[in-house]
Amino acid sequence: MQHLTGLTIIHDTAITNTFT
């Protein structure tokens, strides 16, 4: 579960970077 959460955070950051 922890690994999945980490991936979600990384994915969210990637999306934010794309929008920024």
Protein backbone atom coordinates (compact mmCIF):
# COMPACT_ATOMS: atom_id res chain seq x y z
CA MET A 1 0.00 0.00 0.00
CA GLN A 2 2.79 2.40 0.91
CA HIS A 3 4.43 1.87 -2.47
CA LEU A 4 1.11 2.59 -4.20
CA THR A 5 0.73 5.81 -2.23
CA GLY A 6 4.25 6.89 -3.19
CA LEU A 7 3.46 6.28 -6.83
CA THR A 8 0.32 8.36 -6.54
CA ILE A 9 2.26 11.25 -5.03
CA ILE A 10 4.86 11.04 -7.81
CA HIS A 11 2.13 10.88 -10.44
CA ASP A 12 0.37 13.91 -8.91
CA THR A 13 3.64 15.82 -8.88
CA ALA A 14 4.24 14.93 -12.53
CA ILE A 15 0.79 16.22 -13.45
CA THR A 16 1.40 19.46 -11.56
CA ASN A 17 4.74 19.87 -13.33
CA THR A 18 3.05 19.42 -16.69
CA PHE A 19 0.44 22.05 -15.88
CA THR A 20 2.98 24.46 -14.47
